[in-house]
Amino acid sequence: MPKQLKKIPKFKTEAQERRFWETHDSTDYVNWSGAERVRLPNLKPSTQTISLRLPTPLLERIKIEANKRDVPYQSLIKIWLKEKVL
């Protein structure tokens, strides 16, 4: 007997929907057995490439810190910027 699916609630905002799906399992609401993979070749990335000049000693220190954390140094820079700005 197939699993009885729950009805997906109506959401007033995207943030409300995001919070819901962060705490609920989609398999209780959607039958994924018929899902098909899709490709979105024209999807534009949500990031933008920038060029940033840093003093060599600063960049070396950042790379050392990134190595300690086992993350790419560019990712560590993004993390630090996000923490500072937000």
C-alpha atoms as a PDB file:
ATOM      1  CA  MET A   1       0.000   0.000   0.000  1.00  0.00           C
ATOM      2  CA  PRO A   2       1.485   3.374  -1.008  1.00  0.00           C
ATOM      3  CA  LYS A   3       2.438   5.827   1.704  1.00  0.00           C
ATOM      4  CA  GLN A   4      -0.250   8.448   2.429  1.00  0.00           C
ATOM      5  CA  LEU A   5       1.263  11.845   1.638  1.00  0.00           C
ATOM      6  CA  LYS A   6       0.635  14.910   3.781  1.00  0.00           C
ATOM      7  CA  LYS A   7      -0.735  18.073   2.190  1.00  0.00           C
ATOM      8  CA  ILE A   8       1.871  20.823   1.663  1.00  0.00           C
ATOM      9  CA  PRO A   9       0.764  23.897   3.606  1.00  0.00           C
ATOM     10  CA  LYS A  10       0.304  27.318   1.999  1.00  0.00           C
ATOM     11  CA  PHE A  11       3.081  29.764   2.875  1.00  0.00           C
ATOM     12  CA  LYS A  12       2.795  33.541   3.117  1.00  0.00           C
ATOM     13  CA  THR A  13       6.493  34.182   2.513  1.00  0.00           C
ATOM     14  CA  GLU A  14       9.519  32.419   1.077  1.00  0.00           C
ATOM     15  CA  ALA A  15      11.196  32.677   4.485  1.00  0.00           C
ATOM     16  CA  GLN A  16       8.277  30.857   6.105  1.00  0.00           C
ATOM     17  CA  GLU A  17       8.503  28.096   3.493  1.00  0.00           C
ATOM     18  CA  ARG A  18      12.267  27.831   3.965  1.00  0.00           C
ATOM     19  CA  ARG A  19      11.850  27.406   7.739  1.00  0.00           C
ATOM     20  CA  PHE A  20       9.220  24.717   7.147  1.00  0.00           C
ATOM     21  CA  TRP A  21      11.399  22.636   4.820  1.00  0.00           C
ATOM     22  CA  GLU A  22      14.407  22.997   7.136  1.00  0.00           C
ATOM     23  CA  THR A  23      12.453  21.077   9.786  1.00  0.00           C
ATOM     24  CA  HIS A  24      10.336  18.664   7.718  1.00  0.00           C
ATOM     25  CA  ASP A  25      11.151  15.692   5.491  1.00  0.00           C
ATOM     26  CA  SER A  26       9.958  16.226   1.915  1.00  0.00           C
ATOM     27  CA  THR A  27       9.261  12.507   1.475  1.00  0.00           C
ATOM     28  CA  ASP A  28       6.276  12.941   3.816  1.00  0.00           C
ATOM     29  CA  TYR A  29       4.811  15.406   1.300  1.00  0.00           C
ATOM     30  CA  VAL A  30       6.129  14.427  -2.152  1.00  0.00           C
ATOM     31  CA  ASN A  31       6.363  11.100  -3.981  1.00  0.00           C
ATOM     32  CA  TRP A  32       9.857  11.348  -5.441  1.00  0.00           C
ATOM     33  CA  SER A  33       9.720   7.942  -7.184  1.00  0.00           C
ATOM     34  CA  GLY A  34       8.583   9.542 -10.452  1.00  0.00           C
ATOM     35  CA  ALA A  35      10.994  12.455 -10.305  1.00  0.00           C
ATOM     36  CA  GLU A  36      13.325  13.025 -13.234  1.00  0.00           C
ATOM     37  CA  ARG A  37      16.678  14.791 -13.288  1.00  0.00           C
ATOM     38  CA  VAL A  38      16.707  18.065 -15.175  1.00  0.00           C
ATOM     39  CA  ARG A  39      19.507  20.257 -16.449  1.00  0.00           C
ATOM     40  CA  LEU A  40      19.298  24.017 -16.259  1.00  0.00           C
ATOM     41  CA  PRO A  41      22.072  25.109 -18.619  1.00  0.00           C
ATOM     42  CA  ASN A  42      20.971  28.756 -18.743  1.00  0.00           C
ATOM     43  CA  LEU A  43      20.767  29.215 -14.983  1.00  0.00           C
ATOM     44  CA  LYS A  44      22.895  32.161 -14.006  1.00  0.00           C
ATOM     45  CA  PRO A  45      25.143  31.823 -10.950  1.00  0.00           C
ATOM     46  CA  SER A  46      24.144  33.828  -7.902  1.00  0.00           C
ATOM     47  CA  THR A  47      27.717  34.900  -7.270  1.00  0.00           C
ATOM     48  CA  GLN A  48      29.922  37.456  -8.943  1.00  0.00           C
ATOM     49  CA  THR A  49      33.622  37.179  -9.594  1.00  0.00           C
ATOM     50  CA  ILE A  50      35.758  40.026  -8.294  1.00  0.00           C
ATOM     51  CA  SER A  51      39.444  40.823  -8.329  1.00  0.00           C
ATOM     52  CA  LEU A  52      41.009  41.721  -5.010  1.00  0.00           C
ATOM     53  CA  ARG A  53      44.630  42.685  -4.482  1.00  0.00           C
ATOM     54  CA  LEU A  54      46.029  41.755  -1.076  1.00  0.00           C
ATOM     55  CA  PRO A  55      49.485  42.235   0.357  1.00  0.00           C
ATOM     56  CA  THR A  56      51.451  38.993  -0.008  1.00  0.00           C
ATOM     57  CA  PRO A  57      52.047  38.556   3.752  1.00  0.00           C
ATOM     58  CA  LEU A  58      48.320  38.941   4.441  1.00  0.00           C
ATOM     59  CA  LEU A  59      47.396  36.404   1.773  1.00  0.00           C
ATOM     60  CA  GLU A  60      49.967  33.948   3.139  1.00  0.00           C
ATOM     61  CA  ARG A  61      48.497  34.274   6.648  1.00  0.00           C
ATOM     62  CA  ILE A  62      45.000  33.700   5.267  1.00  0.00           C
ATOM     63  CA  LYS A  63      46.207  30.575   3.448  1.00  0.00           C
ATOM     64  CA  ILE A  64      47.783  29.264   6.666  1.00  0.00           C
ATOM     65  CA  GLU A  65      44.523  29.813   8.560  1.00  0.00           C
ATOM     66  CA  ALA A  66      42.555  28.128   5.777  1.00  0.00           C
ATOM     67  CA  ASN A  67      44.933  25.170   5.830  1.00  0.00           C
ATOM     68  CA  LYS A  68      44.418  24.794   9.595  1.00  0.00           C
ATOM     69  CA  ARG A  69      40.668  24.656   8.986  1.00  0.00           C
ATOM     70  CA  ASP A  70      41.004  22.402   5.929  1.00  0.00           C
ATOM     71  CA  VAL A  71      39.074  24.787   3.664  1.00  0.00           C
ATOM     72  CA  PRO A  72      40.083  26.638   0.499  1.00  0.00           C
ATOM     73  CA  TYR A  73      41.413  30.097   1.299  1.00  0.00           C
ATOM     74  CA  GLN A  74      38.835  31.780  -0.960  1.00  0.00           C
ATOM     75  CA  SER A  75      36.059  30.085   1.009  1.00  0.00           C
ATOM     76  CA  LEU A  76      37.569  31.231   4.284  1.00  0.00           C
ATOM     77  CA  ILE A  77      37.708  34.815   3.015  1.00  0.00           C
ATOM     78  CA  LYS A  78      33.995  34.580   2.077  1.00  0.00           C
ATOM     79  CA  ILE A  79      33.145  33.189   5.522  1.00  0.00           C
ATOM     80  CA  TRP A  80      35.020  35.976   7.277  1.00  0.00           C
ATOM     81  CA  LEU A  81      33.432  38.660   5.093  1.00  0.00           C
ATOM     82  CA  LYS A  82      29.958  37.274   5.724  1.00  0.00           C
ATOM     83  CA  GLU A  83      30.557  37.162   9.493  1.00  0.00           C
ATOM     84  CA  LYS A  84      31.727  40.764   9.485  1.00  0.00           C
ATOM     85  CA  VAL A  85      29.006  42.182   7.241  1.00  0.00           C
ATOM     86  CA  LEU A  86      25.959  40.280   8.501  1.00  0.00           C
END
